[in-house]
Amino acid sequence: MALQVLGITLSMMGFAGTIIICALPMWKVTAFIGTNIVVAQVFWEGLWMTCVYERIGQMQCKLYDALLDLDPSLQAARGLVVTTMALACLAFLIFLVGADCTNCLSNPRAKARIVVVSGITFMLSGLTAVVPVSWTADSIIRDFHNPIVHEALKREMGAALYVGWVTAGFLFVGGAVLCTSCPPERHNYSPRYTLSKTDTHSGYAIKNYV
């Protein structure tokens, strides 16, 4: 029970982090380098919107106009993050079926196997979470060191990417803990009793005993 509570707690923290990085428009932020030293406005770019934050405290956000006009990497990141949330929800529902604190099933071995399936699903969601975050970070780093890209178009890694890496770690570790919560197989041995020589050669017949 303790391992299951620990595993599902870490996994649900990862699921909450996935929701945060999906909604947080801070995947890419303005890089103040070279001649681009105007700090009055900061541009944030996320999966669904882009925001302009002004130093006076105002912020304006705008959703992306057309899906087909977006960069293919951004479209792939969207799909993978949504897939991560779907897998995490599915894993949680599977866990509820096999958890020790529920009565959906009576067979303890079947419940343990279902919990392992839930852990594997959480680990898969961790993998689908780390791919778009790492892919976006690699794209930002390559563009940052690319001399062809104008300085005004260069970006830095936002807070959402760091949250995404932590989120993927929570999902993967939580799923691994759930996989280890399955108890070892127990073999039932049926003892065999044999008649001793003293019983077979005694003067009293065994059949006389009730």
Protein backbone atom coordinates (compact mmCIF):
# COMPACT_ATOMS: atom_id res chain seq x y z
CA MET A 1 0.00 0.00 0.00
CA ALA A 2 2.82 2.43 0.83
CA LEU A 3 4.48 1.91 -2.55
CA GLN A 4 1.20 2.40 -4.35
CA VAL A 5 0.50 5.65 -2.50
CA LEU A 6 4.01 6.92 -3.28
CA GLY A 7 3.79 5.91 -6.93
CA ILE A 8 0.37 7.41 -7.57
CA THR A 9 1.33 10.61 -5.74
CA LEU A 10 4.40 11.14 -7.92
CA SER A 11 2.43 10.25 -11.04
CA MET A 12 -0.39 12.68 -10.27
CA MET A 13 2.16 15.43 -9.59
CA GLY A 14 3.50 14.70 -13.06
CA PHE A 15 -0.01 14.85 -14.49
CA ALA A 16 -0.58 18.24 -12.87
CA GLY A 17 2.73 19.43 -14.30
CA THR A 18 1.63 18.33 -17.77
CA ILE A 19 -1.47 20.48 -17.50
CA ILE A 20 0.70 23.42 -16.43
CA ILE A 21 3.14 23.16 -19.33
CA CYS A 22 0.26 22.73 -21.75
CA ALA A 23 -1.35 25.99 -20.65
CA LEU A 24 1.76 28.00 -19.72
CA PRO A 25 2.84 30.31 -22.60
CA MET A 26 6.49 30.30 -21.60
CA TRP A 27 8.11 27.72 -23.83
CA LYS A 28 10.15 30.37 -25.64
CA VAL A 29 11.04 33.80 -24.25
CA THR A 30 12.80 36.82 -25.72
CA ALA A 31 16.60 36.70 -25.73
CA PHE A 32 18.23 40.05 -24.97
CA ILE A 33 21.48 39.77 -26.89
CA GLY A 34 23.50 41.97 -29.19
CA THR A 35 21.53 44.91 -30.47
CA ASN A 36 18.26 43.47 -29.14
CA ILE A 37 18.50 45.19 -25.78
CA VAL A 38 15.03 46.68 -25.62
CA VAL A 39 13.66 45.36 -22.34
CA ALA A 40 10.37 47.26 -22.34
CA GLN A 41 8.58 44.22 -23.80
CA VAL A 42 9.10 40.51 -23.35
CA PHE A 43 7.64 38.03 -25.82
CA TRP A 44 6.47 34.64 -24.61
CA GLU A 45 5.55 31.80 -26.95
CA GLY A 46 3.60 28.74 -25.88
CA LEU A 47 1.77 25.84 -27.46
CA TRP A 48 -1.52 27.67 -27.93
CA MET A 49 -0.78 31.39 -27.71
CA THR A 50 1.84 34.10 -27.76
CA CYS A 51 2.00 36.82 -25.13
CA VAL A 52 3.61 40.23 -24.82
CA TYR A 53 4.55 41.23 -21.30
CA GLU A 54 5.30 44.88 -20.65
CA ARG A 55 7.45 46.09 -17.80
CA ILE A 56 4.65 48.31 -16.53
CA GLY A 57 2.75 45.15 -15.59
CA GLN A 58 0.40 44.70 -18.52
CA MET A 59 0.25 41.51 -20.57
CA GLN A 60 -1.58 40.79 -23.79
CA CYS A 61 -2.03 37.29 -25.17
CA LYS A 62 -3.26 36.15 -28.56
CA LEU A 63 -4.15 32.69 -29.76
CA TYR A 64 -2.48 31.41 -32.90
CA ASP A 65 -4.62 32.25 -35.90
CA ALA A 66 -4.34 29.15 -38.10
CA LEU A 67 -3.17 25.66 -37.25
CA LEU A 68 -1.74 25.01 -40.71
CA ASP A 69 0.49 28.09 -40.51
CA LEU A 70 2.26 26.85 -37.39
CA ASP A 71 5.70 25.32 -37.36
CA PRO A 72 5.61 21.50 -37.70
CA SER A 73 7.61 21.12 -34.48
CA LEU A 74 5.00 23.15 -32.60
CA GLN A 75 2.20 21.02 -34.01
CA ALA A 76 4.05 17.86 -32.97
CA ALA A 77 4.64 19.28 -29.48
CA ARG A 78 0.93 20.00 -29.16
CA GLY A 79 0.00 16.46 -30.12
CA LEU A 80 2.56 14.87 -27.79
CA VAL A 81 1.54 16.95 -24.78
CA VAL A 82 -2.13 16.14 -25.34
CA THR A 83 -1.16 12.47 -25.72
CA THR A 84 0.70 12.67 -22.42
CA MET A 85 -2.39 13.94 -20.62
CA ALA A 86 -4.56 11.25 -22.21
CA LEU A 87 -2.13 8.49 -21.20
CA ALA A 88 -1.89 9.82 -17.65
CA CYS A 89 -5.69 9.88 -17.33
CA LEU A 90 -5.91 6.34 -18.68
CA ALA A 91 -3.21 5.15 -16.30
CA PHE A 92 -5.03 6.69 -13.34
CA LEU A 93 -8.28 4.94 -14.27
CA ILE A 94 -6.43 1.64 -14.60
CA PHE A 95 -4.85 2.20 -11.20
CA LEU A 96 -8.27 2.72 -9.60
CA VAL A 97 -9.32 -0.73 -10.79
CA GLY A 98 -6.33 -2.52 -9.25
CA ALA A 99 -5.51 -0.37 -6.23
CA ASP A 100 -5.52 -1.96 -2.78
CA CYS A 101 -7.86 0.75 -1.52
CA THR A 102 -10.63 -0.18 -4.00
CA ASN A 103 -12.89 -3.21 -4.25
CA CYS A 104 -13.29 -3.46 -8.01
CA LEU A 105 -11.55 -6.85 -8.01
CA SER A 106 -11.20 -9.50 -5.32
CA ASN A 107 -8.20 -11.41 -6.69
CA PRO A 108 -5.04 -9.81 -5.22
CA ARG A 109 -2.80 -11.17 -7.97
CA ALA A 110 -5.02 -9.69 -10.70
CA LYS A 111 -5.11 -6.36 -8.88
CA ALA A 112 -1.32 -6.33 -8.63
CA ARG A 113 -0.94 -6.99 -12.36
CA ILE A 114 -3.36 -4.17 -13.18
CA VAL A 115 -1.31 -1.80 -11.02
CA VAL A 116 1.79 -2.82 -12.99
CA VAL A 117 -0.05 -2.02 -16.25
CA SER A 118 -0.93 1.36 -14.78
CA GLY A 119 2.72 1.97 -13.92
CA ILE A 120 3.84 1.08 -17.44
CA THR A 121 1.27 3.51 -18.88
CA PHE A 122 2.53 6.27 -16.59
CA MET A 123 6.08 5.59 -17.76
CA LEU A 124 4.96 5.86 -21.39
CA SER A 125 3.34 9.20 -20.61
CA GLY A 126 6.65 10.33 -19.13
CA LEU A 127 8.39 9.49 -22.39
CA THR A 128 5.81 11.35 -24.45
CA ALA A 129 6.27 14.35 -22.14
CA VAL A 130 10.05 14.54 -22.38
CA VAL A 131 10.16 14.33 -26.19
CA PRO A 132 8.45 17.67 -27.07
CA VAL A 133 10.24 19.51 -24.25
CA SER A 134 13.68 18.27 -25.30
CA TRP A 135 12.88 18.78 -28.98
CA THR A 136 11.87 22.40 -28.37
CA ALA A 137 14.95 23.04 -26.22
CA ASP A 138 17.19 21.65 -28.95
CA SER A 139 15.52 23.87 -31.54
CA ILE A 140 16.00 26.95 -29.35
CA ILE A 141 19.68 26.18 -28.76
CA ARG A 142 20.36 25.58 -32.46
CA ASP A 143 18.67 28.82 -33.49
CA PHE A 144 20.47 30.72 -30.74
CA HIS A 145 23.89 29.69 -32.04
CA ASN A 146 22.92 29.96 -35.69
CA PRO A 147 24.48 33.14 -37.18
CA ILE A 148 21.91 33.19 -39.98
CA VAL A 149 18.99 33.73 -37.57
CA HIS A 150 18.49 37.40 -36.77
CA GLU A 151 19.10 38.42 -33.17
CA ALA A 152 15.55 39.72 -32.79
CA LEU A 153 14.20 36.26 -33.67
CA LYS A 154 16.38 34.32 -31.26
CA ARG A 155 14.74 32.94 -28.15
CA GLU A 156 15.73 31.45 -24.82
CA MET A 157 14.29 28.48 -22.96
CA GLY A 158 11.29 29.41 -20.87
CA ALA A 159 10.14 28.13 -17.50
CA ALA A 160 7.70 25.68 -19.11
CA LEU A 161 10.58 23.59 -20.47
CA TYR A 162 12.15 23.15 -17.03
CA VAL A 163 8.77 22.29 -15.56
CA GLY A 164 8.32 19.81 -18.40
CA TRP A 165 11.53 17.96 -17.56
CA VAL A 166 10.54 17.71 -13.90
CA THR A 167 7.07 16.57 -14.95
CA ALA A 168 8.46 13.80 -17.14
CA GLY A 169 10.65 12.67 -14.24
CA PHE A 170 7.68 12.49 -11.88
CA LEU A 171 5.65 10.46 -14.38
CA PHE A 172 8.46 8.03 -15.11
CA VAL A 173 9.55 7.53 -11.50
CA GLY A 174 5.95 7.25 -10.28
CA GLY A 175 5.21 4.61 -12.90
CA ALA A 176 8.37 2.71 -11.98
CA VAL A 177 7.35 2.69 -8.30
CA LEU A 178 3.94 1.31 -9.24
CA CYS A 179 5.61 -1.43 -11.26
CA THR A 180 7.66 -2.49 -8.22
CA SER A 181 4.61 -2.61 -5.96
CA CYS A 182 3.59 -6.02 -7.32
CA PRO A 183 4.33 -8.66 -4.65
CA PRO A 184 6.44 -11.67 -5.60
CA GLU A 185 4.85 -14.87 -6.75
CA ARG A 186 3.97 -17.28 -4.00
CA HIS A 187 4.05 -20.99 -4.66
CA ASN A 188 1.65 -23.16 -2.75
CA TYR A 189 3.11 -26.50 -1.73
CA SER A 190 0.75 -29.26 -0.69
CA PRO A 191 2.46 -31.51 1.85
CA ARG A 192 2.26 -35.22 1.26
CA TYR A 193 1.97 -37.55 4.15
CA THR A 194 3.17 -41.13 3.97
CA LEU A 195 2.60 -43.92 6.39
CA SER A 196 5.54 -44.79 8.51
CA LYS A 197 6.80 -48.29 8.86
CA THR A 198 5.67 -48.43 12.46
CA ASP A 199 2.10 -47.74 11.39
CA THR A 200 2.08 -50.39 8.69
CA HIS A 201 3.53 -53.09 10.92
CA SER A 202 1.63 -52.26 14.09
CA GLY A 203 -0.86 -54.68 15.51
CA TYR A 204 -3.72 -52.27 15.09
CA ALA A 205 -5.22 -51.63 11.68
CA ILE A 206 -5.38 -48.04 10.50
CA LYS A 207 -8.94 -48.50 9.33
CA ASN A 208 -10.08 -49.02 12.91
CA TYR A 209 -9.40 -45.35 13.66
CA VAL A 210 -12.05 -42.79 12.87
